Amino acid sequence: MNQVIVSHGAPVAPGQRMPKGGGAIHAQKFNPDIVRQKFTYCPETGIIRSMRGNQLGGVDRDGYLRASLPINGKHPKFRLHRLAWLAVHGAWPNLDIDHINGIRTDNRIENLRCVDRSTNNENQRRPVKGNSSGFLGVSWSAQKKLWAAQICVKGKNKNLGRYPTPE
């Protein structure tokens, strides 16, 4: 198995994007070259380990693996799929990282792709929390007293019609 080294570190050039789940600490605080020296990443399994061999990450409330990185006395949390991308590509991802198979804990590099927000949203497999219908793209229209179906393609909502049942 190939191992890629990743780690925590120091400031980098401006213009790099904050890793999702990074709290108040931005990616600009972390030099990718230094980050890549402190942890190991296995692209075949998607597992990130500390240099001591401990597997990193716990599942956050959104279903992604997260871990704290000790930096300058602070412990910001990072989503591990962003660290996996950094480990393999040598730079912080500048867009969203999409889990191709929809399994948010599967951080194998073959399951990750860097995409814009619109493309990432198109890959959504389940409705957002609080969705009253239980279906993707279906919501209650109180005005019409019918269920409204819609999809979003390239940032534009497409109305699919209104129906008496959410199915």
Foldseek 3Di string as FASTA:
>chain_A
DDKFAFAFDAADDPDAAAAPQQPPDGCRGGQLVHRRHFWIADLVQRWIAGPVGHTAFDQDPVGFTKGFHDDPNDTTIHGSLQRLCCRVVVGGQRADWAQQVQRRHRNRVVRIDGDHPQVNVVSDDWDDPPAPQRHPQWHADPVVRWIWGWDADPRRIDTPDTHRHRD
